[in-house]
Amino acid sequence: MAAGAVPVELMEDVQYAKCSAYGLILLKEDGSVWCAGSLYDENGNMIREYSGFEQAMDHAVFATAGTRTMAVIRTDGALWMWGDNGKQQCGVNTHVAGSFEELVQVRENVQMVWPDRLSFSSAREYSGYLSDEPDPYVSDRTYILQADGETCACGEGLTGGETFVRVIVAEE
């Protein structure tokens, strides 16, 4: 710890926390989701600013953040996202909106979500999967694992007229 640095408790009963480039999302043990900081688009335009910690949702089982997006999976399996959608990384056609200040439901029957890249870092995630095609490390993409076991992605470089497309995940 740096000299003079003092840890500060921001919130109690936090189950999971993740940072975006300028924001923070927390999932509490009671299923409530709280956000702080800001979300910006790729060009540096502010999409959303939180005044301290603000509750964004309840009845959540997972919450996470990408560089410019945030995502929540609710107890019913619905995926909600908000932030920069300039490359459809929120899973919504860019003709609808280039960014979302408020949460928007983008998918149903979702077990897990990974904004920006497919990677695993918790017991809830599936550590056996190491890569996908074409590239698991592309920013401005969102990957999801659906309840039926299919892995899909949306965002940069993915086309075909759909917002989420099936991708193949390979084990090493």
N, C-alpha and C. Protein backbone atom coordinates (compact mmCIF):
# COMPACT_ATOMS: atom_id res chain seq x y z
N MET A 1 0.85 -1.17 0.00
CA MET A 1 0.00 0.00 0.00
C MET A 1 0.90 1.23 0.00
N ALA A 2 0.54 2.23 -0.78
CA ALA A 2 1.31 3.46 -0.87
C ALA A 2 1.30 4.17 0.48
N ALA A 3 2.39 4.86 0.78
CA ALA A 3 2.49 5.60 2.03
C ALA A 3 1.34 6.60 2.13
N GLY A 4 0.67 6.59 3.25
CA GLY A 4 -0.42 7.53 3.47
C GLY A 4 -1.77 7.06 2.95
N ALA A 5 -1.78 5.95 2.17
CA ALA A 5 -3.04 5.44 1.64
C ALA A 5 -3.81 4.73 2.74
N VAL A 6 -5.08 5.08 2.86
CA VAL A 6 -5.93 4.48 3.89
C VAL A 6 -7.14 3.84 3.21
N PRO A 7 -7.34 2.53 3.43
CA PRO A 7 -8.53 1.90 2.82
C PRO A 7 -9.81 2.51 3.39
N VAL A 8 -10.81 2.63 2.53
CA VAL A 8 -12.09 3.18 2.93
C VAL A 8 -13.19 2.21 2.50
N GLU A 9 -14.08 1.86 3.41
CA GLU A 9 -15.20 1.00 3.06
C GLU A 9 -16.23 1.84 2.32
N LEU A 10 -16.56 1.44 1.10
CA LEU A 10 -17.52 2.17 0.30
C LEU A 10 -18.95 1.70 0.53
N MET A 11 -19.11 0.39 0.76
CA MET A 11 -20.44 -0.18 0.93
C MET A 11 -20.30 -1.54 1.60
N GLU A 12 -21.27 -1.90 2.39
CA GLU A 12 -21.27 -3.19 3.08
C GLU A 12 -22.00 -4.25 2.24
N ASP A 13 -21.74 -5.52 2.58
CA ASP A 13 -22.44 -6.66 2.00
C ASP A 13 -22.30 -6.74 0.48
N VAL A 14 -21.14 -6.39 -0.04
CA VAL A 14 -20.89 -6.44 -1.48
C VAL A 14 -20.44 -7.85 -1.85
N GLN A 15 -21.12 -8.43 -2.82
CA GLN A 15 -20.81 -9.77 -3.31
C GLN A 15 -19.77 -9.71 -4.44
N TYR A 16 -19.86 -8.67 -5.30
CA TYR A 16 -19.00 -8.57 -6.48
C TYR A 16 -18.90 -7.11 -6.88
N ALA A 17 -17.73 -6.71 -7.35
CA ALA A 17 -17.53 -5.34 -7.83
C ALA A 17 -16.65 -5.38 -9.07
N LYS A 18 -16.92 -4.48 -10.01
CA LYS A 18 -16.13 -4.40 -11.25
C LYS A 18 -16.08 -2.95 -11.70
N CYS A 19 -14.95 -2.54 -12.23
CA CYS A 19 -14.77 -1.17 -12.72
C CYS A 19 -14.89 -1.12 -14.23
N SER A 20 -15.48 -0.02 -14.72
CA SER A 20 -15.39 0.32 -16.14
C SER A 20 -14.22 1.30 -16.22
N ALA A 21 -14.05 1.98 -17.33
CA ALA A 21 -12.95 2.93 -17.46
C ALA A 21 -13.06 4.06 -16.43
N TYR A 22 -14.29 4.52 -16.13
CA TYR A 22 -14.48 5.64 -15.21
C TYR A 22 -15.58 5.39 -14.19
N GLY A 23 -16.07 4.17 -14.10
CA GLY A 23 -17.17 3.89 -13.20
C GLY A 23 -16.97 2.60 -12.43
N LEU A 24 -17.91 2.35 -11.53
CA LEU A 24 -17.87 1.18 -10.67
C LEU A 24 -19.27 0.61 -10.56
N ILE A 25 -19.40 -0.72 -10.65
CA ILE A 25 -20.68 -1.39 -10.47
C ILE A 25 -20.50 -2.41 -9.35
N LEU A 26 -21.48 -2.46 -8.45
CA LEU A 26 -21.43 -3.37 -7.31
C LEU A 26 -22.70 -4.22 -7.27
N LEU A 27 -22.55 -5.49 -6.99
CA LEU A 27 -23.68 -6.38 -6.73
C LEU A 27 -23.66 -6.70 -5.25
N LYS A 28 -24.72 -6.33 -4.56
CA LYS A 28 -24.80 -6.62 -3.13
C LYS A 28 -25.44 -7.99 -2.90
N GLU A 29 -25.24 -8.53 -1.70
CA GLU A 29 -25.77 -9.85 -1.36
C GLU A 29 -27.28 -9.93 -1.46
N ASP A 30 -27.98 -8.80 -1.34
CA ASP A 30 -29.44 -8.80 -1.44
C ASP A 30 -29.94 -8.73 -2.88
N GLY A 31 -29.00 -8.77 -3.87
CA GLY A 31 -29.37 -8.73 -5.28
C GLY A 31 -29.52 -7.34 -5.85
N SER A 32 -29.25 -6.32 -5.05
CA SER A 32 -29.32 -4.95 -5.58
C SER A 32 -28.01 -4.59 -6.27
N VAL A 33 -28.12 -3.76 -7.31
CA VAL A 33 -26.97 -3.33 -8.10
C VAL A 33 -26.82 -1.82 -7.91
N TRP A 34 -25.59 -1.41 -7.62
CA TRP A 34 -25.29 -0.01 -7.37
C TRP A 34 -24.17 0.44 -8.30
N CYS A 35 -24.25 1.70 -8.77
CA CYS A 35 -23.24 2.24 -9.68
C CYS A 35 -22.72 3.57 -9.16
N ALA A 36 -21.47 3.86 -9.51
CA ALA A 36 -20.86 5.15 -9.19
C ALA A 36 -19.94 5.53 -10.35
N GLY A 37 -19.61 6.80 -10.45
CA GLY A 37 -18.71 7.27 -11.49
C GLY A 37 -19.45 7.65 -12.75
N SER A 38 -18.84 7.38 -13.91
CA SER A 38 -19.40 7.81 -15.20
C SER A 38 -19.21 6.74 -16.26
N LEU A 39 -20.01 6.86 -17.30
CA LEU A 39 -19.85 6.06 -18.52
C LEU A 39 -19.68 7.03 -19.69
N TYR A 40 -18.68 6.78 -20.52
CA TYR A 40 -18.40 7.60 -21.69
C TYR A 40 -18.45 6.73 -22.94
N ASP A 41 -18.75 7.36 -24.08
CA ASP A 41 -18.68 6.63 -25.33
C ASP A 41 -17.25 6.65 -25.86
N GLU A 42 -17.03 6.02 -27.01
CA GLU A 42 -15.70 5.89 -27.59
C GLU A 42 -15.06 7.25 -27.88
N ASN A 43 -15.88 8.27 -28.14
CA ASN A 43 -15.36 9.60 -28.46
C ASN A 43 -15.19 10.50 -27.24
N GLY A 44 -15.42 9.95 -26.04
CA GLY A 44 -15.25 10.72 -24.82
C GLY A 44 -16.47 11.52 -24.40
N ASN A 45 -17.61 11.31 -25.05
CA ASN A 45 -18.85 11.99 -24.67
C ASN A 45 -19.49 11.26 -23.49
N MET A 46 -19.88 12.02 -22.48
CA MET A 46 -20.48 11.40 -21.31
C MET A 46 -21.86 10.86 -21.64
N ILE A 47 -22.09 9.60 -21.29
CA ILE A 47 -23.39 8.97 -21.47
C ILE A 47 -24.19 9.07 -20.18
N ARG A 48 -23.53 8.79 -19.06
CA ARG A 48 -24.23 8.75 -17.77
C ARG A 48 -23.24 9.10 -16.67
N GLU A 49 -23.68 9.91 -15.72
CA GLU A 49 -22.88 10.21 -14.55
C GLU A 49 -23.71 9.93 -13.31
N TYR A 50 -23.11 9.22 -12.36
CA TYR A 50 -23.79 8.90 -11.11
C TYR A 50 -23.33 9.86 -10.03
N SER A 51 -24.26 10.29 -9.21
CA SER A 51 -23.96 11.17 -8.08
C SER A 51 -23.74 10.28 -6.86
N GLY A 52 -22.50 9.94 -6.58
CA GLY A 52 -22.20 8.97 -5.53
C GLY A 52 -22.66 7.61 -5.98
N PHE A 53 -23.07 6.75 -5.05
CA PHE A 53 -23.61 5.45 -5.41
C PHE A 53 -25.11 5.57 -5.60
N GLU A 54 -25.60 5.07 -6.75
CA GLU A 54 -27.03 5.06 -7.06
C GLU A 54 -27.44 3.63 -7.36
N GLN A 55 -28.62 3.24 -6.84
CA GLN A 55 -29.12 1.91 -7.14
C GLN A 55 -29.63 1.87 -8.57
N ALA A 56 -29.14 0.89 -9.33
CA ALA A 56 -29.51 0.76 -10.74
C ALA A 56 -30.57 -0.30 -10.96
N MET A 57 -30.60 -1.34 -10.11
CA MET A 57 -31.51 -2.45 -10.33
C MET A 57 -31.57 -3.30 -9.06
N ASP A 58 -32.56 -4.17 -9.01
CA ASP A 58 -32.65 -5.16 -7.94
C ASP A 58 -32.91 -6.53 -8.57
N HIS A 59 -32.99 -7.55 -7.76
CA HIS A 59 -33.23 -8.93 -8.22
C HIS A 59 -32.17 -9.39 -9.22
N ALA A 60 -30.92 -9.05 -8.96
CA ALA A 60 -29.82 -9.42 -9.86
C ALA A 60 -29.04 -10.61 -9.30
N VAL A 61 -28.48 -11.40 -10.21
CA VAL A 61 -27.59 -12.49 -9.82
C VAL A 61 -26.14 -12.22 -10.27
N PHE A 62 -25.97 -11.26 -11.20
CA PHE A 62 -24.63 -10.93 -11.67
C PHE A 62 -24.65 -9.51 -12.22
N ALA A 63 -23.56 -8.79 -11.99
CA ALA A 63 -23.38 -7.44 -12.52
C ALA A 63 -21.92 -7.27 -12.89
N THR A 64 -21.66 -6.62 -14.01
CA THR A 64 -20.29 -6.44 -14.46
C THR A 64 -20.17 -5.19 -15.32
N ALA A 65 -18.94 -4.83 -15.63
CA ALA A 65 -18.68 -3.64 -16.45
C ALA A 65 -17.60 -3.94 -17.47
N GLY A 66 -17.77 -3.35 -18.63
CA GLY A 66 -16.73 -3.34 -19.64
C GLY A 66 -16.09 -1.96 -19.64
N THR A 67 -15.31 -1.65 -20.63
CA THR A 67 -14.66 -0.35 -20.69
C THR A 67 -15.68 0.78 -20.75
N ARG A 68 -16.73 0.62 -21.59
CA ARG A 68 -17.72 1.68 -21.77
C ARG A 68 -19.16 1.18 -21.64
N THR A 69 -19.34 -0.01 -21.09
CA THR A 69 -20.68 -0.57 -20.91
C THR A 69 -20.80 -1.21 -19.54
N MET A 70 -22.03 -1.40 -19.10
CA MET A 70 -22.31 -2.15 -17.88
C MET A 70 -23.43 -3.14 -18.19
N ALA A 71 -23.46 -4.25 -17.42
CA ALA A 71 -24.44 -5.30 -17.68
C ALA A 71 -24.90 -5.93 -16.38
N VAL A 72 -26.17 -6.35 -16.36
CA VAL A 72 -26.76 -7.01 -15.21
C VAL A 72 -27.58 -8.20 -15.71
N ILE A 73 -27.44 -9.34 -15.03
CA ILE A 73 -28.31 -10.48 -15.27
C ILE A 73 -29.23 -10.58 -14.05
N ARG A 74 -30.52 -10.58 -14.32
CA ARG A 74 -31.51 -10.67 -13.23
C ARG A 74 -31.84 -12.13 -12.92
N THR A 75 -32.55 -12.34 -11.83
CA THR A 75 -32.90 -13.68 -11.39
C THR A 75 -33.72 -14.45 -12.43
N ASP A 76 -34.43 -13.74 -13.30
CA ASP A 76 -35.22 -14.39 -14.35
C ASP A 76 -34.41 -14.69 -15.62
N GLY A 77 -33.09 -14.42 -15.60
CA GLY A 77 -32.22 -14.67 -16.74
C GLY A 77 -32.18 -13.55 -17.77
N ALA A 78 -32.90 -12.45 -17.52
CA ALA A 78 -32.90 -11.33 -18.46
C ALA A 78 -31.58 -10.56 -18.34
N LEU A 79 -31.00 -10.23 -19.50
CA LEU A 79 -29.78 -9.44 -19.57
C LEU A 79 -30.14 -7.99 -19.85
N TRP A 80 -29.67 -7.10 -19.00
CA TRP A 80 -29.88 -5.66 -19.14
C TRP A 80 -28.51 -5.01 -19.32
N MET A 81 -28.41 -4.06 -20.27
CA MET A 81 -27.14 -3.37 -20.52
C MET A 81 -27.38 -1.88 -20.69
N TRP A 82 -26.31 -1.11 -20.52
CA TRP A 82 -26.35 0.32 -20.80
C TRP A 82 -24.92 0.81 -21.01
N GLY A 83 -24.81 1.98 -21.65
CA GLY A 83 -23.52 2.55 -21.98
C GLY A 83 -23.38 2.75 -23.47
N ASP A 84 -22.14 2.66 -23.97
CA ASP A 84 -21.83 2.88 -25.38
C ASP A 84 -22.33 1.71 -26.22
N ASN A 85 -23.13 2.00 -27.22
CA ASN A 85 -23.65 0.98 -28.14
C ASN A 85 -23.24 1.31 -29.57
N GLY A 86 -22.21 2.11 -29.74
CA GLY A 86 -21.79 2.57 -31.06
C GLY A 86 -21.43 1.46 -32.02
N LYS A 87 -21.03 0.29 -31.50
CA LYS A 87 -20.71 -0.86 -32.34
C LYS A 87 -21.60 -2.05 -32.01
N GLN A 88 -22.79 -1.74 -31.48
CA GLN A 88 -23.79 -2.74 -31.08
C GLN A 88 -23.33 -3.61 -29.93
N GLN A 89 -22.36 -3.14 -29.14
CA GLN A 89 -21.85 -3.95 -28.03
C GLN A 89 -22.83 -4.07 -26.86
N CYS A 90 -23.93 -3.31 -26.88
CA CYS A 90 -25.00 -3.53 -25.90
C CYS A 90 -26.03 -4.51 -26.43
N GLY A 91 -25.85 -5.00 -27.64
CA GLY A 91 -26.76 -5.99 -28.18
C GLY A 91 -28.01 -5.41 -28.81
N VAL A 92 -27.97 -4.13 -29.14
CA VAL A 92 -29.11 -3.45 -29.76
C VAL A 92 -28.64 -2.81 -31.06
N ASN A 93 -29.42 -2.94 -32.10
CA ASN A 93 -29.09 -2.34 -33.39
C ASN A 93 -28.78 -0.85 -33.20
N THR A 94 -27.68 -0.38 -33.77
CA THR A 94 -27.28 1.02 -33.62
C THR A 94 -28.27 1.99 -34.24
N HIS A 95 -29.17 1.51 -35.11
CA HIS A 95 -30.22 2.37 -35.65
C HIS A 95 -31.22 2.76 -34.57
N VAL A 96 -31.30 1.95 -33.51
CA VAL A 96 -32.18 2.25 -32.37
C VAL A 96 -31.52 3.30 -31.49
N ALA A 97 -30.25 3.08 -31.13
CA ALA A 97 -29.53 4.04 -30.28
C ALA A 97 -28.05 3.74 -30.30
N GLY A 98 -27.25 4.82 -30.31
CA GLY A 98 -25.80 4.70 -30.24
C GLY A 98 -25.29 4.58 -28.83
N SER A 99 -26.13 4.92 -27.86
CA SER A 99 -25.77 4.75 -26.45
C SER A 99 -27.04 4.71 -25.62
N PHE A 100 -26.90 4.16 -24.42
CA PHE A 100 -28.03 4.05 -23.50
C PHE A 100 -27.64 4.61 -22.15
N GLU A 101 -28.33 5.66 -21.74
CA GLU A 101 -28.12 6.25 -20.42
C GLU A 101 -28.76 5.38 -19.35
N GLU A 102 -29.89 4.77 -19.69
CA GLU A 102 -30.62 3.92 -18.76
C GLU A 102 -30.51 2.46 -19.20
N LEU A 103 -30.77 1.56 -18.28
CA LEU A 103 -30.72 0.13 -18.56
C LEU A 103 -31.79 -0.26 -19.57
N VAL A 104 -31.41 -1.15 -20.49
CA VAL A 104 -32.35 -1.67 -21.48
C VAL A 104 -32.19 -3.19 -21.53
N GLN A 105 -33.32 -3.91 -21.54
CA GLN A 105 -33.26 -5.36 -21.63
C GLN A 105 -32.90 -5.74 -23.06
N VAL A 106 -31.83 -6.57 -23.20
CA VAL A 106 -31.35 -6.91 -24.53
C VAL A 106 -31.44 -8.40 -24.86
N ARG A 107 -31.67 -9.24 -23.85
CA ARG A 107 -31.71 -10.69 -24.11
C ARG A 107 -32.38 -11.40 -22.94
N GLU A 108 -32.91 -12.58 -23.20
CA GLU A 108 -33.49 -13.43 -22.16
C GLU A 108 -32.69 -14.72 -22.06
N ASN A 109 -32.88 -15.45 -20.99
CA ASN A 109 -32.26 -16.77 -20.78
C ASN A 109 -30.74 -16.72 -20.87
N VAL A 110 -30.14 -15.78 -20.14
CA VAL A 110 -28.69 -15.61 -20.13
C VAL A 110 -28.13 -16.10 -18.80
N GLN A 111 -27.06 -16.88 -18.87
CA GLN A 111 -26.40 -17.38 -17.66
C GLN A 111 -25.20 -16.54 -17.27
N MET A 112 -24.47 -16.00 -18.26
CA MET A 112 -23.26 -15.22 -17.97
C MET A 112 -23.04 -14.21 -19.07
N VAL A 113 -22.37 -13.11 -18.73
CA VAL A 113 -22.06 -12.06 -19.69
C VAL A 113 -20.62 -11.58 -19.47
N TRP A 114 -19.92 -11.31 -20.57
CA TRP A 114 -18.56 -10.79 -20.52
C TRP A 114 -18.46 -9.59 -21.46
N PRO A 115 -18.50 -8.37 -20.96
CA PRO A 115 -18.28 -7.20 -21.83
C PRO A 115 -16.81 -7.10 -22.25
N ASP A 116 -16.58 -6.71 -23.47
CA ASP A 116 -15.27 -6.42 -24.06
C ASP A 116 -14.46 -7.64 -24.47
N ARG A 117 -14.53 -8.73 -23.73
CA ARG A 117 -13.78 -9.91 -24.14
C ARG A 117 -14.27 -11.11 -23.34
N LEU A 118 -14.01 -12.27 -23.89
CA LEU A 118 -14.38 -13.50 -23.22
C LEU A 118 -13.25 -13.88 -22.29
N SER A 119 -13.51 -13.80 -21.01
CA SER A 119 -12.50 -14.18 -20.02
C SER A 119 -13.22 -14.65 -18.77
N PHE A 120 -12.52 -15.39 -17.95
CA PHE A 120 -13.15 -16.01 -16.80
C PHE A 120 -12.37 -15.64 -15.54
N SER A 121 -13.10 -15.28 -14.48
CA SER A 121 -12.40 -14.89 -13.26
C SER A 121 -13.15 -15.21 -11.98
N SER A 122 -14.18 -16.04 -12.06
CA SER A 122 -14.90 -16.39 -10.83
C SER A 122 -15.44 -17.81 -10.93
N ALA A 123 -15.83 -18.35 -9.78
CA ALA A 123 -16.37 -19.71 -9.75
C ALA A 123 -17.66 -19.82 -10.54
N ARG A 124 -18.37 -18.70 -10.74
CA ARG A 124 -19.62 -18.71 -11.50
C ARG A 124 -19.36 -18.85 -12.99
N GLU A 125 -18.16 -18.53 -13.41
CA GLU A 125 -17.80 -18.59 -14.82
C GLU A 125 -17.20 -19.94 -15.16
N TYR A 126 -16.99 -20.20 -16.45
CA TYR A 126 -16.56 -21.51 -16.92
C TYR A 126 -15.11 -21.48 -17.37
N SER A 127 -14.21 -21.91 -16.47
CA SER A 127 -12.77 -21.78 -16.71
C SER A 127 -12.22 -22.70 -17.79
N GLY A 128 -12.98 -23.69 -18.25
CA GLY A 128 -12.49 -24.58 -19.29
C GLY A 128 -12.44 -23.96 -20.66
N TYR A 129 -13.16 -22.88 -20.87
CA TYR A 129 -13.20 -22.23 -22.17
C TYR A 129 -12.13 -21.15 -22.23
N LEU A 130 -11.26 -21.26 -23.24
CA LEU A 130 -10.12 -20.36 -23.29
C LEU A 130 -10.16 -19.38 -24.45
N SER A 131 -10.84 -19.69 -25.51
CA SER A 131 -10.84 -18.78 -26.66
C SER A 131 -12.08 -19.01 -27.48
N ASP A 132 -12.31 -18.12 -28.42
CA ASP A 132 -13.42 -18.31 -29.36
C ASP A 132 -12.97 -17.86 -30.74
N GLU A 133 -13.82 -18.01 -31.69
CA GLU A 133 -13.50 -17.56 -33.04
C GLU A 133 -14.38 -16.38 -33.37
N PRO A 134 -13.92 -15.34 -34.00
CA PRO A 134 -12.58 -15.20 -34.51
C PRO A 134 -11.55 -14.72 -33.49
N ASP A 135 -11.88 -13.90 -32.51
CA ASP A 135 -10.89 -13.35 -31.59
C ASP A 135 -11.57 -13.01 -30.27
N PRO A 136 -11.13 -13.63 -29.17
CA PRO A 136 -11.80 -13.37 -27.90
C PRO A 136 -11.40 -12.05 -27.25
N TYR A 137 -10.42 -11.35 -27.80
CA TYR A 137 -9.91 -10.15 -27.14
C TYR A 137 -10.15 -8.88 -27.94
N VAL A 138 -11.36 -8.74 -28.45
CA VAL A 138 -11.74 -7.55 -29.19
C VAL A 138 -12.57 -6.67 -28.27
N SER A 139 -12.12 -5.43 -28.06
CA SER A 139 -12.94 -4.53 -27.26
C SER A 139 -14.20 -4.20 -28.06
N ASP A 140 -15.17 -3.62 -27.39
CA ASP A 140 -16.44 -3.26 -28.02
C ASP A 140 -17.22 -4.47 -28.51
N ARG A 141 -17.04 -5.59 -27.83
CA ARG A 141 -17.86 -6.78 -28.04
C ARG A 141 -18.42 -7.20 -26.69
N THR A 142 -19.55 -7.87 -26.72
CA THR A 142 -20.11 -8.49 -25.53
C THR A 142 -20.38 -9.95 -25.84
N TYR A 143 -19.94 -10.82 -24.96
CA TYR A 143 -20.17 -12.26 -25.08
C TYR A 143 -21.17 -12.69 -24.03
N ILE A 144 -22.03 -13.64 -24.39
CA ILE A 144 -22.98 -14.19 -23.42
C ILE A 144 -23.00 -15.70 -23.52
N LEU A 145 -23.27 -16.34 -22.40
CA LEU A 145 -23.55 -17.77 -22.37
C LEU A 145 -25.04 -17.88 -22.09
N GLN A 146 -25.76 -18.46 -23.04
CA GLN A 146 -27.21 -18.61 -22.90
C GLN A 146 -27.53 -19.84 -22.06
N ALA A 147 -28.76 -19.89 -21.56
CA ALA A 147 -29.21 -21.02 -20.74
C ALA A 147 -29.15 -22.34 -21.50
N ASP A 148 -29.25 -22.30 -22.83
CA ASP A 148 -29.19 -23.53 -23.64
C ASP A 148 -27.76 -23.98 -23.93
N GLY A 149 -26.76 -23.27 -23.37
CA GLY A 149 -25.36 -23.64 -23.56
C GLY A 149 -24.68 -22.98 -24.74
N GLU A 150 -25.42 -22.27 -25.57
CA GLU A 150 -24.83 -21.57 -26.73
C GLU A 150 -24.10 -20.31 -26.26
N THR A 151 -22.98 -20.03 -26.91
CA THR A 151 -22.24 -18.80 -26.66
C THR A 151 -22.50 -17.87 -27.85
N CYS A 152 -22.87 -16.63 -27.55
CA CYS A 152 -23.15 -15.63 -28.58
C CYS A 152 -22.34 -14.38 -28.30
N ALA A 153 -22.19 -13.57 -29.33
CA ALA A 153 -21.47 -12.30 -29.17
C ALA A 153 -22.15 -11.24 -30.02
N CYS A 154 -21.94 -9.99 -29.65
CA CYS A 154 -22.40 -8.86 -30.42
C CYS A 154 -21.32 -7.79 -30.35
N GLY A 155 -21.34 -6.86 -31.29
CA GLY A 155 -20.40 -5.75 -31.24
C GLY A 155 -19.45 -5.71 -32.41
N GLU A 156 -18.30 -5.12 -32.17
CA GLU A 156 -17.32 -4.82 -33.21
C GLU A 156 -16.97 -6.02 -34.08
N GLY A 157 -17.08 -5.81 -35.39
CA GLY A 157 -16.65 -6.80 -36.36
C GLY A 157 -17.62 -7.94 -36.59
N LEU A 158 -18.73 -7.97 -35.90
CA LEU A 158 -19.71 -9.04 -36.08
C LEU A 158 -20.87 -8.49 -36.88
N THR A 159 -21.19 -9.16 -37.98
CA THR A 159 -22.25 -8.68 -38.84
C THR A 159 -23.22 -9.80 -39.16
N GLY A 160 -24.14 -9.53 -39.99
CA GLY A 160 -25.10 -10.53 -40.40
C GLY A 160 -26.52 -10.09 -40.15
N GLY A 161 -26.69 -8.83 -39.73
CA GLY A 161 -28.02 -8.31 -39.52
C GLY A 161 -28.59 -8.61 -38.15
N GLU A 162 -27.89 -9.40 -37.35
CA GLU A 162 -28.35 -9.71 -36.01
C GLU A 162 -27.47 -9.00 -34.99
N THR A 163 -28.03 -8.74 -33.82
CA THR A 163 -27.21 -8.11 -32.80
C THR A 163 -26.37 -9.12 -32.04
N PHE A 164 -26.89 -10.32 -31.77
CA PHE A 164 -26.12 -11.39 -31.16
C PHE A 164 -25.98 -12.51 -32.19
N VAL A 165 -24.75 -12.98 -32.40
CA VAL A 165 -24.51 -14.10 -33.30
C VAL A 165 -23.82 -15.22 -32.53
N ARG A 166 -24.08 -16.44 -32.93
CA ARG A 166 -23.46 -17.59 -32.28
C ARG A 166 -21.97 -17.60 -32.59
N VAL A 167 -21.17 -17.87 -31.59
CA VAL A 167 -19.73 -18.03 -31.77
C VAL A 167 -19.33 -19.39 -31.22
N ILE A 168 -18.24 -19.91 -31.72
CA ILE A 168 -17.75 -21.21 -31.29
C ILE A 168 -16.63 -20.99 -30.28
N VAL A 169 -16.76 -21.63 -29.15
CA VAL A 169 -15.75 -21.53 -28.11
C VAL A 169 -14.95 -22.83 -28.13
N ALA A 170 -13.63 -22.70 -28.18
CA ALA A 170 -12.77 -23.88 -28.26
C ALA A 170 -12.05 -24.10 -26.94
N GLU A 171 -11.89 -25.36 -26.57
CA GLU A 171 -11.10 -25.71 -25.40
C GLU A 171 -9.71 -26.08 -25.85
N GLU A 172 -8.71 -25.72 -25.04
CA GLU A 172 -7.34 -26.08 -25.35
C GLU A 172 -6.97 -27.37 -24.73
